[in-house]
């Protein structure tokens, strides 16, 4: 009892907070005490309201009745399962009645689809749509399609409901389905239970079924030919069962404890997944570091080999210089012995030997300096080669750009040349037309001049003729007037 009080004290804030709108990372949290409140205080529809609804809208009455039946079936299933105290199987009557009620709820307002042979009305279509909306439902859909004994869509839908109950994901699957009402409108009428608020209430009640552990044998059961009939005698109880408040309080506490444990499990699973992701990232970084370490080891081995080669070359140079010094020392000793014997030209030979020794030491120092200079020149040559390669790449890029520009200029020149040729041809044609017009105008002007000349000649002739006629007409003014009038016409 002390442990139970501790659980109630720990879960007391969550009961009040369960009614608030809180969301988890992947799914919306439904009210935790929805099912508990159903067990302690079942909602009964008001008779006056049901009569008014029956007179107004029969579909609303059907939805209310199905909602009440769903509440009663879920409440009876949870009470009987907690009193039963072990895993439920397929022959458990309250569980069978729950599946029948859920089937009726999903069938309400379902559209009739016309097939090739007949008309069908099945709930497998909207349930199959859950796979697209909820990726975790792909496994249950594939397992339902792989069952050998199922031949009808209704049997597949019944198997899907049983598997979803065993997975304790029925509320999550149906919640994702009722959210997408635009997609559900292809399968349900606008007044269907799944399209209205009653569907959301039923989905909220289904969260309480997560406290039930069910082990159902779907493979050997004949789900195609079952007849779903609701047995109302299971939900008719006496006053003693209805007034059992202590038992309802215990069930509510157990439900709260179950929800708390499930929330802890979800948090732990999320932390485990984050730790797995971190482990994977660390393994990837470790593999990268191992590869870099191997590359560094190879570079160190190469540098050690180069150092060993340089040391061997230095030792060879030192050996040669030592041998040369020994030879010179032997020569000096022989010369000294000869000097002792002959005592002639000792100073000159001694000075020559000393000079040779200085020369050899100077040569050794020069060789060492040349070696250091060559090493520095090697580094400078490498840097110069890198700079030359960079300049070559840049010049190649500039050459490519200049070639492209040259090709564009060539194309523009060709177009301009073609346009120039066309303009020259049109100019020639226009010049020819102008020359023709000039010839025609010259001809017309010459013809006009000839016509003017002929007109002048005719006028002169007519004047002479008129004068002669007037003179020949006599002295009668009327005759002269008529004659002049006729000549003017």
Protein backbone atom coordinates (compact mmCIF):
# COMPACT_ATOMS: atom_id res chain seq x y z
CA UNK A 1 0.00 0.00 0.00
CA UNK A 2 2.89 2.36 0.69
CA UNK A 3 4.30 1.70 -2.73
CA UNK A 4 0.88 2.34 -4.31
CA UNK A 5 0.59 5.67 -2.44
CA UNK A 6 3.99 6.67 -3.76
CA UNK A 7 2.88 5.91 -7.29
CA UNK A 8 -0.30 7.93 -6.80
CA UNK A 9 1.68 10.88 -5.39
CA UNK A 10 4.09 10.71 -8.34
CA UNK A 11 1.28 10.49 -10.86
CA UNK A 12 -1.02 13.08 -9.27
CA UNK A 13 0.31 16.01 -11.38
CA UNK A 14 0.11 13.96 -14.55
CA UNK A 15 -3.63 13.34 -14.06
CA UNK A 16 -4.38 17.03 -14.27
CA UNK A 17 -1.79 17.70 -16.92
CA UNK A 18 -3.05 14.87 -19.07
CA UNK A 19 -5.99 17.04 -20.15
CA UNK A 20 -3.72 19.79 -21.48
CA UNK A 21 -2.59 19.85 -25.09
CA UNK A 22 0.94 18.49 -24.88
CA UNK A 23 2.76 16.97 -27.82
CA UNK A 24 5.56 14.44 -27.93
CA UNK A 25 8.31 14.52 -30.60
CA UNK A 26 6.63 12.03 -32.91
CA UNK A 27 2.95 11.90 -31.97
CA UNK A 28 0.23 13.89 -30.22
CA UNK A 29 -0.46 12.88 -26.63
CA UNK A 30 -4.07 11.96 -25.97
CA UNK A 31 -5.67 12.48 -22.54
CA UNK A 32 -4.30 9.88 -20.14
CA UNK A 33 -7.34 9.72 -17.93
CA UNK A 34 -9.80 9.35 -20.82
CA UNK A 35 -10.25 5.66 -20.19
CA UNK A 36 -9.99 6.07 -16.40
CA UNK A 37 -12.75 8.63 -16.40
CA UNK A 38 -14.81 6.24 -18.50
CA UNK A 39 -14.37 3.54 -15.87
CA UNK A 40 -15.15 5.75 -12.88
CA UNK A 41 -17.83 7.93 -14.40
CA UNK A 42 -19.43 6.50 -17.60
CA UNK A 43 -21.05 9.09 -19.75
CA UNK A 44 -24.71 8.42 -20.49
CA UNK A 45 -26.44 10.38 -23.22
CA UNK A 46 -29.24 12.62 -22.16
CA UNK A 47 -32.63 11.16 -23.28
CA UNK A 48 -34.01 14.57 -24.22
CA UNK A 49 -30.98 15.21 -26.42
CA UNK A 50 -31.24 11.81 -28.12
CA UNK A 51 -34.94 12.40 -28.90
CA UNK A 52 -34.13 15.78 -30.39
CA UNK A 53 -31.30 14.27 -32.43
CA UNK A 54 -33.57 11.47 -33.66
CA UNK A 55 -36.09 13.98 -34.89
CA UNK A 56 -33.41 16.04 -36.57
CA UNK A 57 -30.61 13.78 -37.86
CA UNK A 58 -30.70 9.94 -37.75
CA UNK A 59 -26.99 9.69 -38.61
CA UNK A 60 -26.11 11.70 -35.48
CA UNK A 61 -28.13 9.23 -33.41
CA UNK A 62 -26.28 6.33 -35.02
CA UNK A 63 -22.93 7.97 -34.24
CA UNK A 64 -23.93 8.59 -30.61
CA UNK A 65 -25.11 4.99 -30.21
CA UNK A 66 -21.90 3.62 -31.70
CA UNK A 67 -19.85 5.90 -29.45
CA UNK A 68 -21.72 4.67 -26.37
CA UNK A 69 -21.27 1.05 -27.44
CA UNK A 70 -17.55 1.65 -27.98
CA UNK A 71 -17.28 3.18 -24.50
CA UNK A 72 -19.11 0.24 -22.92
CA UNK A 73 -17.09 -2.37 -24.81
CA UNK A 74 -13.73 -0.73 -24.01
CA UNK A 75 -14.72 -0.27 -20.35
CA UNK A 76 -15.94 -3.87 -20.03
CA UNK A 77 -12.82 -5.22 -21.78
CA UNK A 78 -10.43 -3.31 -19.49
CA UNK A 79 -12.36 -4.27 -16.30
CA UNK A 80 -12.60 -7.92 -17.23
CA UNK A 81 -8.96 -8.08 -18.41
CA UNK A 82 -7.67 -6.56 -15.14
CA UNK A 83 -9.82 -8.95 -13.11
CA UNK A 84 -8.79 -11.85 -15.37
CA UNK A 85 -5.14 -11.16 -14.51
CA UNK A 86 -3.40 -12.83 -17.46
CA UNK A 87 -2.89 -12.62 -21.22
CA UNK A 88 -6.11 -12.64 -23.28
CA UNK A 89 -6.72 -15.06 -26.14
CA UNK A 90 -9.08 -15.20 -29.13
CA UNK A 91 -11.87 -17.04 -27.26
CA UNK A 92 -12.31 -14.29 -24.65
CA UNK A 93 -15.92 -12.98 -25.11
CA UNK A 94 -15.36 -9.30 -24.18
CA UNK A 95 -12.47 -9.18 -26.64
CA UNK A 96 -14.63 -10.68 -29.39
CA UNK A 97 -17.37 -8.13 -28.68
CA UNK A 98 -14.80 -5.32 -28.80
CA UNK A 99 -13.71 -6.35 -32.31
CA UNK A 100 -17.38 -6.55 -33.41
CA UNK A 101 -18.07 -3.03 -32.08
CA UNK A 102 -14.92 -1.65 -33.75
CA UNK A 103 -15.96 -3.26 -37.02
CA UNK A 104 -19.39 -1.57 -36.82
CA UNK A 105 -17.75 1.78 -36.01
CA UNK A 106 -15.40 1.53 -38.99
CA UNK A 107 -18.24 0.46 -41.31
CA UNK A 108 -20.45 3.45 -40.42
CA UNK A 109 -20.84 5.78 -43.40
CA UNK A 110 -18.58 3.70 -45.62
CA UNK A 111 -19.02 4.38 -49.32
CA UNK A 112 -20.14 1.54 -51.59
CA UNK A 113 -17.54 0.81 -54.26
CA UNK A 114 -18.46 -0.75 -57.56
CA UNK A 115 -16.23 -3.65 -58.63
CA UNK A 116 -16.14 -5.68 -61.84
CA UNK A 117 -18.65 -8.29 -60.67
CA UNK A 118 -20.63 -6.66 -57.87
CA UNK A 119 -20.75 -3.90 -55.26
CA UNK A 120 -18.58 -4.19 -52.16
CA UNK A 121 -18.41 -2.32 -48.88
CA UNK A 122 -15.27 -3.12 -46.87
CA UNK A 123 -13.07 -1.39 -44.28
CA UNK A 124 -9.81 -2.77 -45.66
CA UNK A 125 -9.34 0.27 -47.94
CA UNK A 126 -8.96 2.93 -45.19
CA UNK A 127 -6.94 0.54 -42.99
CA UNK A 128 -4.58 -0.13 -45.88
CA UNK A 129 -4.12 3.65 -46.19
CA UNK A 130 -2.46 3.70 -42.73
CA UNK A 131 0.76 2.27 -44.24
CA UNK A 132 1.30 5.46 -46.26
CA UNK A 133 0.64 7.76 -43.27
CA UNK A 134 2.46 5.75 -40.56
CA UNK A 135 5.72 4.05 -41.69
CA UNK A 136 5.71 1.62 -38.75
CA UNK A 137 2.44 0.12 -40.02
CA UNK A 138 4.10 -1.31 -43.15
CA UNK A 139 5.13 -4.45 -41.23
CA UNK A 140 1.60 -5.21 -40.02
CA UNK A 141 0.16 -4.64 -43.53
CA UNK A 142 2.72 -6.97 -45.10
CA UNK A 143 2.09 -9.67 -42.48
CA UNK A 144 -1.69 -9.44 -43.07
CA UNK A 145 -1.25 -9.79 -46.84
CA UNK A 146 1.05 -12.80 -46.33
CA UNK A 147 -1.50 -14.76 -44.26
CA UNK A 148 -2.56 -17.80 -46.32
CA UNK A 149 -6.11 -18.36 -45.00
CA UNK A 150 -7.52 -14.88 -45.76
CA UNK A 151 -9.42 -14.47 -49.04
CA UNK A 152 -11.66 -11.43 -48.51
CA UNK A 153 -10.82 -7.79 -47.68
CA UNK A 154 -13.04 -7.99 -44.58
CA UNK A 155 -10.97 -10.90 -43.24
CA UNK A 156 -7.77 -8.91 -43.81
CA UNK A 157 -9.28 -5.95 -41.94
CA UNK A 158 -10.21 -8.17 -38.97
CA UNK A 159 -6.70 -9.64 -38.89
CA UNK A 160 -5.26 -6.10 -39.05
CA UNK A 161 -7.30 -5.03 -36.00
CA UNK A 162 -6.13 -8.04 -34.00
CA UNK A 163 -2.47 -7.51 -34.87
CA UNK A 164 -2.74 -3.77 -34.05
CA UNK A 165 -4.20 -4.64 -30.62
CA UNK A 166 -1.34 -7.08 -29.95
CA UNK A 167 1.18 -4.38 -30.93
CA UNK A 168 -0.62 -1.82 -28.71
CA UNK A 169 -0.59 0.63 -31.62
CA UNK A 170 -4.27 0.66 -32.62
CA UNK A 171 -4.84 4.16 -31.19
CA UNK A 172 -1.73 5.54 -32.92
CA UNK A 173 -2.68 4.02 -36.29
CA UNK A 174 -6.29 5.24 -36.21
CA UNK A 175 -5.25 8.69 -34.96
CA UNK A 176 -3.01 9.14 -38.02
CA UNK A 177 -5.97 8.04 -40.14
CA UNK A 178 -8.60 10.44 -38.75
CA UNK A 179 -6.25 13.42 -38.99
CA UNK A 180 -6.18 13.07 -42.81
CA UNK A 181 -9.87 13.69 -43.47
CA UNK A 182 -9.25 14.65 -47.09
CA UNK A 183 -7.97 11.14 -47.76
CA UNK A 184 -10.75 9.55 -45.72
CA UNK A 185 -13.37 11.34 -47.83
CA UNK A 186 -12.57 8.88 -50.65
CA UNK A 187 -13.83 5.99 -48.47
CA UNK A 188 -16.41 7.57 -46.11
CA UNK A 189 -19.42 9.82 -46.43
CA UNK A 190 -19.31 13.26 -44.86
CA UNK A 191 -21.61 12.13 -42.01
CA UNK A 192 -19.59 8.99 -41.12
CA UNK A 193 -18.35 8.36 -37.59
CA UNK A 194 -14.68 8.48 -38.65
CA UNK A 195 -15.24 11.91 -40.24
CA UNK A 196 -16.84 13.47 -37.13
CA UNK A 197 -15.75 14.18 -33.55
CA UNK A 198 -17.03 10.82 -32.33
CA UNK A 199 -14.22 9.10 -34.23
CA UNK A 200 -11.61 11.21 -32.39
CA UNK A 201 -13.27 10.35 -29.06
CA UNK A 202 -13.15 6.62 -29.82
CA UNK A 203 -9.49 6.87 -30.81
CA UNK A 204 -8.79 8.63 -27.50
CA UNK A 205 -10.56 5.80 -25.64
CA UNK A 206 -8.45 3.21 -27.45
CA UNK A 207 -5.33 4.52 -25.66
CA UNK A 208 -6.55 2.74 -22.52
CA UNK A 209 -6.23 -0.64 -24.26
CA UNK A 210 -2.44 -0.39 -23.99
CA UNK A 211 -2.73 -1.90 -20.48
CA UNK A 212 -4.05 -5.14 -22.00
CA UNK A 213 -1.73 -7.95 -23.09
CA UNK A 214 -3.31 -10.10 -25.83
CA UNK A 215 -1.98 -13.20 -27.56
CA UNK A 216 -4.22 -13.89 -30.56
CA UNK A 217 -3.78 -16.69 -33.09
CA UNK A 218 -4.66 -15.03 -36.40
CA UNK A 219 -3.30 -17.64 -38.78
CA UNK A 220 -5.63 -20.53 -37.93
CA UNK A 221 -8.78 -18.48 -37.32
CA UNK A 222 -11.54 -18.21 -39.95
CA UNK A 223 -11.97 -14.42 -40.17
CA UNK A 224 -13.69 -14.31 -43.58
CA UNK A 225 -16.96 -15.98 -42.62
CA UNK A 226 -17.49 -14.58 -39.11
CA UNK A 227 -20.78 -12.80 -38.42
CA UNK A 228 -20.39 -9.70 -36.25
CA UNK A 229 -23.36 -9.49 -33.85
CA UNK A 230 -23.27 -7.24 -30.78
CA UNK A 231 -24.26 -9.03 -27.56
CA UNK A 232 -25.93 -6.37 -25.38
CA UNK A 233 -26.45 -8.79 -22.48
CA UNK A 234 -22.76 -8.43 -21.58
CA UNK A 235 -23.18 -4.73 -20.85
CA UNK A 236 -26.35 -4.96 -18.69
CA UNK A 237 -25.18 -4.71 -15.06
CA UNK A 238 -26.89 -4.37 -11.72
CA UNK A 239 -26.59 -1.51 -9.23
CA UNK A 240 -23.94 -3.24 -7.15
CA UNK A 241 -21.51 -3.42 -10.08
CA UNK A 242 -22.19 0.20 -11.09
CA UNK A 243 -21.60 1.49 -7.51
CA UNK A 244 -18.26 -0.25 -7.06
CA UNK A 245 -16.16 2.95 -6.84
CA UNK A 246 -13.21 1.52 -4.98
CA UNK A 247 -12.53 -0.94 -7.76
CA UNK A 248 -12.74 1.84 -10.36
CA UNK A 249 -10.29 3.93 -8.34
CA UNK A 250 -7.85 1.00 -8.24
CA UNK A 251 -8.20 0.50 -11.99
CA UNK A 252 -7.59 4.22 -12.59
CA UNK A 253 -4.44 4.06 -10.42
CA UNK A 254 -3.24 1.01 -12.35
CA UNK A 255 -3.91 2.79 -15.64
CA UNK A 256 -1.98 5.82 -14.45
CA UNK A 257 0.90 3.62 -13.36
CA UNK A 258 0.84 1.86 -16.72
CA UNK A 259 0.88 5.17 -18.59
CA UNK A 260 3.75 6.40 -16.40
CA UNK A 261 5.75 3.24 -17.08
CA UNK A 262 5.05 3.49 -20.82
CA UNK A 263 6.20 7.12 -20.81
CA UNK A 264 9.39 6.11 -19.03
CA UNK A 265 9.89 3.33 -21.57
CA UNK A 266 9.45 5.79 -24.43
CA UNK A 267 11.93 8.19 -22.89
CA UNK A 268 14.41 5.36 -22.33
CA UNK A 269 13.95 4.14 -25.90
CA UNK A 270 14.58 7.67 -27.20
CA UNK A 271 17.73 7.95 -25.08
CA UNK A 272 18.87 4.51 -26.25
CA UNK A 273 18.34 5.51 -29.88
CA UNK A 274 20.30 8.75 -29.32
CA UNK A 275 23.08 6.76 -27.65
CA UNK A 276 23.11 4.33 -30.58
CA UNK A 277 23.42 7.25 -32.98
CA UNK A 278 26.25 8.70 -30.90
CA UNK A 279 28.00 5.31 -30.83
CA UNK A 280 27.69 5.07 -34.61
CA UNK A 281 29.12 8.57 -35.04
CA UNK A 282 31.97 7.74 -32.64
CA UNK A 283 32.69 4.52 -34.54
CA UNK A 284 32.80 6.45 -37.79
CA UNK A 285 35.13 9.06 -36.31
CA UNK A 286 37.27 6.26 -34.83
CA UNK A 287 37.60 4.60 -38.23
CA UNK A 288 38.55 7.93 -39.75
CA UNK A 289 41.18 8.48 -37.05
CA UNK A 290 42.56 4.96 -37.60
CA UNK A 291 42.87 5.66 -41.32
CA UNK A 292 44.59 8.97 -40.64
CA UNK A 293 46.91 7.23 -38.15
CA UNK A 294 47.84 4.62 -40.76
CA UNK A 295 48.55 7.38 -43.29
CA UNK A 296 50.69 9.21 -40.70
CA UNK A 297 52.59 5.99 -39.93
CA UNK A 298 53.29 5.48 -43.62
CA UNK A 299 54.55 9.06 -43.90
CA UNK A 300 56.77 8.54 -40.84
CA UNK A 301 58.20 5.34 -42.36
CA UNK A 302 58.97 7.17 -45.59
CA UNK A 303 60.63 10.03 -43.70
CA UNK A 304 62.67 7.54 -41.65
CA UNK A 305 63.81 5.83 -44.86
CA UNK A 306 64.85 9.18 -46.33
CA UNK A 307 66.67 10.06 -43.09
CA UNK A 308 68.42 6.70 -43.14
CA UNK A 309 69.51 7.28 -46.74
CA UNK A 310 70.84 10.75 -45.87
CA UNK A 311 72.70 9.33 -42.86
CA UNK A 312 74.24 6.57 -44.98
CA UNK A 313 75.34 9.14 -47.56
CA UNK A 314 76.81 11.31 -44.80
CA UNK A 315 78.64 8.31 -43.35
CA UNK A 316 80.04 7.46 -46.78
CA UNK A 317 81.28 11.03 -47.17
CA UNK A 318 82.84 10.89 -43.69
CA UNK A 319 84.49 7.55 -44.46
CA UNK A 320 85.92 8.90 -47.67
CA UNK A 321 87.25 11.99 -45.94
CA UNK A 322 88.74 9.87 -43.16
CA UNK A 323 90.39 7.54 -45.69
CA UNK A 324 91.70 10.54 -47.52
CA UNK A 325 93.01 11.99 -44.25
CA UNK A 326 94.65 8.69 -43.38
CA UNK A 327 96.26 8.57 -46.80
CA UNK A 328 97.47 12.11 -46.35
CA UNK A 329 98.76 11.26 -42.89
CA UNK A 330 100.65 8.28 -44.31
CA UNK A 331 102.06 10.49 -47.01
CA UNK A 332 103.07 13.05 -44.39
CA UNK A 333 104.74 10.37 -42.31
CA UNK A 334 106.66 9.03 -45.30
CA UNK A 335 107.66 12.53 -46.21
CA UNK A 336 108.79 13.14 -42.64
CA UNK A 337 110.83 9.93 -42.71
CA UNK A 338 112.36 10.98 -46.00
CA UNK A 339 113.01 14.42 -44.48
CA UNK A 340 114.77 12.83 -41.57
CA UNK A 341 116.87 10.80 -43.92
CA UNK A 342 117.58 13.49 -46.45
CA UNK A 343 116.85 16.72 -44.50
CA UNK A 344 116.40 18.52 -47.76
CA UNK A 345 113.34 20.51 -48.60
CA UNK A 346 111.70 19.69 -45.25
CA UNK A 347 110.09 23.09 -44.80
CA UNK A 348 108.60 23.08 -48.27
CA UNK A 349 107.21 19.57 -47.94
CA UNK A 350 105.82 20.36 -44.49
CA UNK A 351 104.16 23.48 -45.81
CA UNK A 352 102.76 21.56 -48.77
CA UNK A 353 101.33 18.88 -46.49
CA UNK A 354 99.83 21.51 -44.20
CA UNK A 355 98.38 23.31 -47.19
CA UNK A 356 96.92 20.04 -48.49
CA UNK A 357 95.39 19.37 -45.08
CA UNK A 358 93.79 22.81 -45.07
CA UNK A 359 92.55 22.22 -48.58
CA UNK A 360 91.03 18.89 -47.63
CA UNK A 361 89.32 20.34 -44.57
CA UNK A 362 88.08 23.23 -46.67
CA UNK A 363 86.82 20.75 -49.26
CA UNK A 364 85.02 18.81 -46.54
CA UNK A 365 83.38 22.00 -45.27
CA UNK A 366 82.50 22.97 -48.84
CA UNK A 367 80.93 19.55 -49.42
CA UNK A 368 78.84 19.89 -46.27
CA UNK A 369 77.77 23.39 -47.30
CA UNK A 370 76.91 22.17 -50.79
CA UNK A 371 74.84 19.36 -49.24
CA UNK A 372 72.85 21.83 -47.12
CA UNK A 373 72.51 24.15 -50.13
CA UNK A 374 71.28 21.25 -52.29
CA UNK A 375 68.69 20.31 -49.63
CA UNK A 376 67.45 23.92 -49.53
CA UNK A 377 67.45 24.08 -53.34
CA UNK A 378 65.43 20.87 -53.41
CA UNK A 379 62.73 22.45 -51.22
CA UNK A 380 62.83 25.62 -53.31
CA UNK A 381 62.56 23.58 -56.51
CA UNK A 382 59.52 21.74 -55.10
CA UNK A 383 57.87 25.05 -54.20
CA UNK A 384 58.76 26.47 -57.61
CA UNK A 385 57.27 23.38 -59.30
CA UNK A 386 54.05 23.81 -57.33
CA UNK A 387 53.91 27.50 -58.28
CA UNK A 388 54.63 26.63 -61.92
CA UNK A 389 51.87 24.02 -61.92
CA UNK A 390 49.47 26.57 -60.44
CA UNK A 391 50.50 29.15 -63.07
CA UNK A 392 50.15 26.55 -65.82
CA UNK A 393 46.63 25.66 -64.65
CA UNK A 394 45.68 29.33 -64.49
CA UNK A 395 47.14 29.97 -67.94
CA UNK A 396 45.32 26.94 -69.31
CA UNK A 397 42.07 28.30 -67.86
CA UNK A 398 42.77 31.72 -69.42
CA UNK A 399 43.65 30.05 -72.75
CA UNK A 400 40.37 28.13 -72.66
CA UNK A 401 38.49 31.36 -71.91
CA UNK A 402 40.37 33.20 -74.72
CA UNK A 403 39.59 30.36 -77.13
CA UNK A 404 35.95 30.54 -76.24
CA UNK A 405 36.01 34.32 -76.72
CA UNK A 406 37.85 33.84 -80.06
CA UNK A 407 35.21 31.37 -81.22
CA UNK A 408 32.47 33.80 -80.20
CA UNK A 409 34.26 36.63 -82.08
CA UNK A 410 34.63 34.37 -85.13
CA UNK A 411 30.94 33.54 -85.01
CA UNK A 412 30.09 37.25 -84.71
CA UNK A 413 32.43 38.08 -87.65
CA UNK A 414 30.82 35.38 -89.79
CA UNK A 415 27.37 36.74 -88.97
CA UNK A 416 28.51 40.30 -89.75
CA UNK A 417 30.10 39.15 -93.00
CA UNK A 418 26.91 37.38 -94.01
CA UNK A 419 24.89 40.48 -93.14
CA UNK A 420 27.37 42.63 -95.14
CA UNK A 421 27.05 40.39 -98.17
CA UNK A 422 23.27 40.53 -97.92
CA UNK A 423 23.34 44.33 -97.59
CA UNK A 424 25.72 44.60 -100.61
CA UNK A 425 23.43 42.42 -102.70
CA UNK A 426 20.40 44.48 -101.70
CA UNK A 427 22.40 47.69 -102.47
CA UNK A 428 23.29 46.40 -105.92
CA UNK A 429 19.66 45.54 -106.59
CA UNK A 430 18.59 49.00 -105.42
CA UNK A 431 21.24 50.66 -107.65
CA UNK A 432 20.02 48.67 -110.64
CA UNK A 433 16.43 49.69 -109.88
CA UNK A 434 17.53 53.35 -109.54
CA UNK A 435 19.39 53.17 -112.89
CA UNK A 436 16.30 51.72 -114.56
CA UNK A 437 14.13 54.42 -113.04
CA UNK A 438 16.56 57.11 -114.19
CA UNK A 439 16.46 55.71 -117.74
CA UNK A 440 12.67 55.67 -117.60
CA UNK A 441 12.59 59.26 -116.30
CA UNK A 442 14.96 60.38 -119.07
CA UNK A 443 12.74 58.74 -121.65
CA UNK A 444 9.63 60.29 -120.09
CA UNK A 445 11.26 63.77 -119.97
CA UNK A 446 12.35 63.48 -123.63
CA UNK A 447 8.84 62.37 -124.57
CA UNK A 448 7.39 65.27 -122.60
CA UNK A 449 9.71 67.67 -124.37
CA UNK A 450 8.70 66.27 -127.75
CA UNK A 451 5.03 66.57 -126.79
CA UNK A 452 5.54 70.16 -125.65
CA UNK A 453 7.34 70.94 -128.92
CA UNK A 454 4.53 69.38 -130.93
CA UNK A 455 1.96 71.32 -128.89
CA UNK A 456 3.80 74.55 -129.56
CA UNK A 457 3.96 73.75 -133.26
CA UNK A 458 0.26 72.93 -133.35
CA UNK A 459 -0.56 76.17 -131.50
CA UNK A 460 1.47 78.17 -133.95
CA UNK A 461 -0.20 76.44 -136.88
CA UNK A 462 -3.65 77.01 -135.37
CA UNK A 463 -2.87 80.64 -134.80
CA UNK A 464 -1.76 81.12 -138.36
CA UNK A 465 -4.81 79.27 -139.62
CA UNK A 466 -7.10 81.32 -137.36
CA UNK A 467 -5.59 84.59 -138.53
CA UNK A 468 -5.95 83.56 -142.12
CA UNK A 469 -9.56 82.51 -141.54
CA UNK A 470 -10.39 85.73 -139.76
CA UNK A 471 -8.94 87.70 -142.60
CA UNK A 472 -10.87 85.66 -145.14
CA UNK A 473 -14.16 85.94 -143.21
CA UNK A 474 -14.77 89.50 -144.22
CA UNK A 475 -15.87 92.52 -142.28
CA UNK A 476 -18.93 90.99 -140.58
CA UNK A 477 -18.31 90.94 -136.82
CA UNK A 478 -20.81 88.18 -136.10
CA UNK A 479 -19.16 85.83 -138.52
CA UNK A 480 -15.75 86.64 -137.08
CA UNK A 481 -17.06 86.01 -133.55
CA UNK A 482 -18.51 82.61 -134.50
CA UNK A 483 -15.32 81.69 -136.28
CA UNK A 484 -13.18 82.60 -133.26
CA UNK A 485 -15.55 80.70 -130.99
CA UNK A 486 -15.34 77.58 -133.13
CA UNK A 487 -11.57 77.78 -133.24
CA UNK A 488 -11.34 78.16 -129.48
CA UNK A 489 -13.31 74.92 -129.05
